[in-house]
């Protein structure tokens, strides 16, 4: 059995883009933008947002 690491990589890339891109340069809501830019589904886009929040140390960031 092979393990597909691609989705995790895309989530990490999307989170990095979200952290590095100022809000004024993001023309659409985060989920919509991440789905279009990185071809993520809704669940993966939300995971990328959560990861970005943890990277930033957001108020609701958890270490689970």
N, C-alpha and C. Protein backbone atom coordinates (compact mmCIF):
# COMPACT_ATOMS: atom_id res chain seq x y z
N UNK A 1 0.85 -1.18 0.00
CA UNK A 1 0.00 0.00 0.00
C UNK A 1 0.89 1.24 0.00
N UNK A 2 0.56 2.21 -0.84
CA UNK A 2 1.31 3.45 -0.89
C UNK A 2 0.57 4.53 -0.14
N UNK A 3 1.32 5.46 0.41
CA UNK A 3 0.73 6.57 1.14
C UNK A 3 0.79 7.80 0.25
N UNK A 4 -0.34 8.46 0.07
CA UNK A 4 -0.40 9.66 -0.76
C UNK A 4 -0.13 10.88 0.11
N UNK A 5 1.03 11.48 -0.06
CA UNK A 5 1.40 12.64 0.74
C UNK A 5 0.99 13.95 0.08
N UNK A 6 0.52 13.90 -1.12
CA UNK A 6 0.19 15.12 -1.87
C UNK A 6 -0.84 16.01 -1.16
N UNK A 7 -1.95 15.49 -0.64
CA UNK A 7 -2.90 16.40 0.02
C UNK A 7 -2.27 17.16 1.19
N UNK A 8 -1.48 16.50 2.00
CA UNK A 8 -0.83 17.20 3.12
C UNK A 8 0.09 18.29 2.61
N UNK A 9 0.81 18.02 1.52
CA UNK A 9 1.69 19.01 0.94
C UNK A 9 0.89 20.21 0.45
N UNK A 10 -0.22 19.96 -0.21
CA UNK A 10 -1.05 21.07 -0.70
C UNK A 10 -1.62 21.89 0.45
N UNK A 11 -2.01 21.24 1.51
CA UNK A 11 -2.53 21.96 2.68
C UNK A 11 -1.44 22.83 3.27
N UNK A 12 -0.23 22.29 3.37
CA UNK A 12 0.88 23.08 3.90
C UNK A 12 1.20 24.27 3.00
N UNK A 13 1.20 24.04 1.69
CA UNK A 13 1.47 25.13 0.75
C UNK A 13 0.38 26.20 0.83
N UNK A 14 -0.86 25.77 0.93
CA UNK A 14 -1.97 26.72 1.03
C UNK A 14 -1.88 27.52 2.33
N UNK A 15 -1.54 26.86 3.41
CA UNK A 15 -1.39 27.56 4.70
C UNK A 15 -0.25 28.57 4.63
N UNK A 16 0.84 28.17 4.02
CA UNK A 16 1.98 29.09 3.88
C UNK A 16 1.58 30.31 3.05
N UNK A 17 0.87 30.08 1.95
CA UNK A 17 0.42 31.18 1.11
C UNK A 17 -0.49 32.11 1.91
N UNK A 18 -1.38 31.53 2.70
CA UNK A 18 -2.30 32.32 3.50
C UNK A 18 -1.56 33.18 4.52
N UNK A 19 -0.54 32.62 5.15
CA UNK A 19 0.24 33.37 6.14
C UNK A 19 1.04 34.49 5.47
N UNK A 20 1.59 34.21 4.30
CA UNK A 20 2.49 35.15 3.64
C UNK A 20 1.78 36.22 2.81
N UNK A 21 0.51 36.02 2.50
CA UNK A 21 -0.22 36.96 1.63
C UNK A 21 -1.10 37.88 2.47
N UNK A 22 -0.85 39.18 2.40
CA UNK A 22 -1.69 40.12 3.15
C UNK A 22 -3.15 40.05 2.70
N UNK A 23 -4.06 40.31 3.63
CA UNK A 23 -5.48 40.22 3.32
C UNK A 23 -5.89 41.12 2.15
N UNK A 24 -5.26 42.28 2.02
CA UNK A 24 -5.63 43.19 0.93
C UNK A 24 -5.29 42.60 -0.45
N UNK A 25 -4.42 41.61 -0.49
CA UNK A 25 -4.04 40.97 -1.75
C UNK A 25 -4.85 39.70 -2.01
N UNK A 26 -5.78 39.38 -1.13
CA UNK A 26 -6.65 38.21 -1.31
C UNK A 26 -8.03 38.71 -1.70
N UNK A 27 -8.39 38.56 -2.98
CA UNK A 27 -9.63 39.15 -3.47
C UNK A 27 -10.91 38.46 -3.01
N UNK A 28 -10.80 37.22 -2.55
CA UNK A 28 -11.99 36.45 -2.19
C UNK A 28 -11.85 35.92 -0.77
N UNK A 29 -12.96 35.44 -0.19
CA UNK A 29 -12.86 34.79 1.12
C UNK A 29 -11.85 33.64 1.07
N UNK A 30 -11.24 33.34 2.20
CA UNK A 30 -10.13 32.38 2.25
C UNK A 30 -10.50 31.01 1.68
N UNK A 31 -11.63 30.46 2.06
CA UNK A 31 -11.99 29.12 1.58
C UNK A 31 -12.14 29.12 0.06
N UNK A 32 -12.81 30.12 -0.46
CA UNK A 32 -13.02 30.23 -1.91
C UNK A 32 -11.68 30.38 -2.63
N UNK A 33 -10.82 31.24 -2.11
CA UNK A 33 -9.51 31.48 -2.73
C UNK A 33 -8.63 30.23 -2.69
N UNK A 34 -8.59 29.56 -1.56
CA UNK A 34 -7.76 28.36 -1.45
C UNK A 34 -8.27 27.24 -2.35
N UNK A 35 -9.57 27.10 -2.46
CA UNK A 35 -10.13 26.07 -3.34
C UNK A 35 -9.77 26.34 -4.79
N UNK A 36 -9.82 27.60 -5.20
CA UNK A 36 -9.51 27.94 -6.58
C UNK A 36 -8.01 27.88 -6.85
N UNK A 37 -7.22 28.40 -5.95
CA UNK A 37 -5.78 28.52 -6.16
C UNK A 37 -5.06 27.18 -6.02
N UNK A 38 -5.50 26.33 -5.08
CA UNK A 38 -4.78 25.09 -4.78
C UNK A 38 -5.59 23.83 -5.09
N UNK A 39 -6.76 23.98 -5.69
CA UNK A 39 -7.63 22.85 -6.04
C UNK A 39 -7.92 21.96 -4.83
N UNK A 40 -8.24 22.59 -3.72
CA UNK A 40 -8.57 21.87 -2.49
C UNK A 40 -10.08 21.71 -2.38
N UNK A 41 -10.51 20.68 -1.65
CA UNK A 41 -11.92 20.60 -1.32
C UNK A 41 -12.15 21.45 -0.07
N UNK A 42 -13.41 21.56 0.34
CA UNK A 42 -13.74 22.42 1.47
C UNK A 42 -13.01 21.98 2.74
N UNK A 43 -12.98 20.68 3.00
CA UNK A 43 -12.34 20.17 4.21
C UNK A 43 -10.84 20.50 4.21
N UNK A 44 -10.17 20.34 3.09
CA UNK A 44 -8.74 20.63 3.01
C UNK A 44 -8.48 22.13 3.12
N UNK A 45 -9.35 22.95 2.53
CA UNK A 45 -9.20 24.40 2.64
C UNK A 45 -9.33 24.83 4.10
N UNK A 46 -10.28 24.25 4.81
CA UNK A 46 -10.45 24.56 6.23
C UNK A 46 -9.24 24.08 7.04
N UNK A 47 -8.69 22.93 6.68
CA UNK A 47 -7.50 22.43 7.35
C UNK A 47 -6.32 23.39 7.12
N UNK A 48 -6.21 23.93 5.92
CA UNK A 48 -5.14 24.89 5.62
C UNK A 48 -5.32 26.17 6.43
N UNK A 49 -6.55 26.62 6.57
CA UNK A 49 -6.81 27.81 7.38
C UNK A 49 -6.45 27.55 8.84
N UNK A 50 -6.82 26.38 9.34
CA UNK A 50 -6.47 26.02 10.71
C UNK A 50 -4.97 25.96 10.92
N UNK A 51 -4.26 25.38 9.96
CA UNK A 51 -2.80 25.32 10.04
C UNK A 51 -2.20 26.72 10.00
N UNK A 52 -2.71 27.57 9.13
CA UNK A 52 -2.22 28.95 9.06
C UNK A 52 -2.43 29.66 10.39
N UNK A 53 -3.58 29.44 11.01
CA UNK A 53 -3.84 30.05 12.32
C UNK A 53 -2.87 29.54 13.38
N UNK A 54 -2.56 28.25 13.33
CA UNK A 54 -1.60 27.71 14.30
C UNK A 54 -0.21 28.27 14.04
N UNK A 55 0.15 28.43 12.77
CA UNK A 55 1.46 29.02 12.44
C UNK A 55 1.54 30.44 12.98
N UNK A 56 0.47 31.18 12.80
CA UNK A 56 0.44 32.57 13.28
C UNK A 56 0.29 32.65 14.80
N UNK A 57 -0.11 31.56 15.43
CA UNK A 57 -0.35 31.58 16.87
C UNK A 57 -1.65 32.27 17.21
N UNK A 58 -2.66 32.05 16.37
CA UNK A 58 -3.96 32.69 16.55
C UNK A 58 -4.60 32.36 17.88
N UNK A 59 -5.56 33.18 18.26
CA UNK A 59 -6.23 33.03 19.55
C UNK A 59 -6.92 31.68 19.71
N UNK A 60 -7.43 31.13 18.64
CA UNK A 60 -8.13 29.85 18.72
C UNK A 60 -7.27 28.68 18.26
N UNK A 61 -5.98 28.92 18.13
CA UNK A 61 -5.08 27.85 17.66
C UNK A 61 -4.92 26.81 18.73
N UNK A 62 -5.03 25.55 18.32
CA UNK A 62 -4.83 24.46 19.27
C UNK A 62 -3.60 23.68 18.87
N UNK A 63 -3.06 22.93 19.79
CA UNK A 63 -1.85 22.15 19.52
C UNK A 63 -2.17 20.68 19.45
N UNK A 64 -3.37 20.34 19.03
CA UNK A 64 -3.76 18.93 18.97
C UNK A 64 -3.11 18.19 17.84
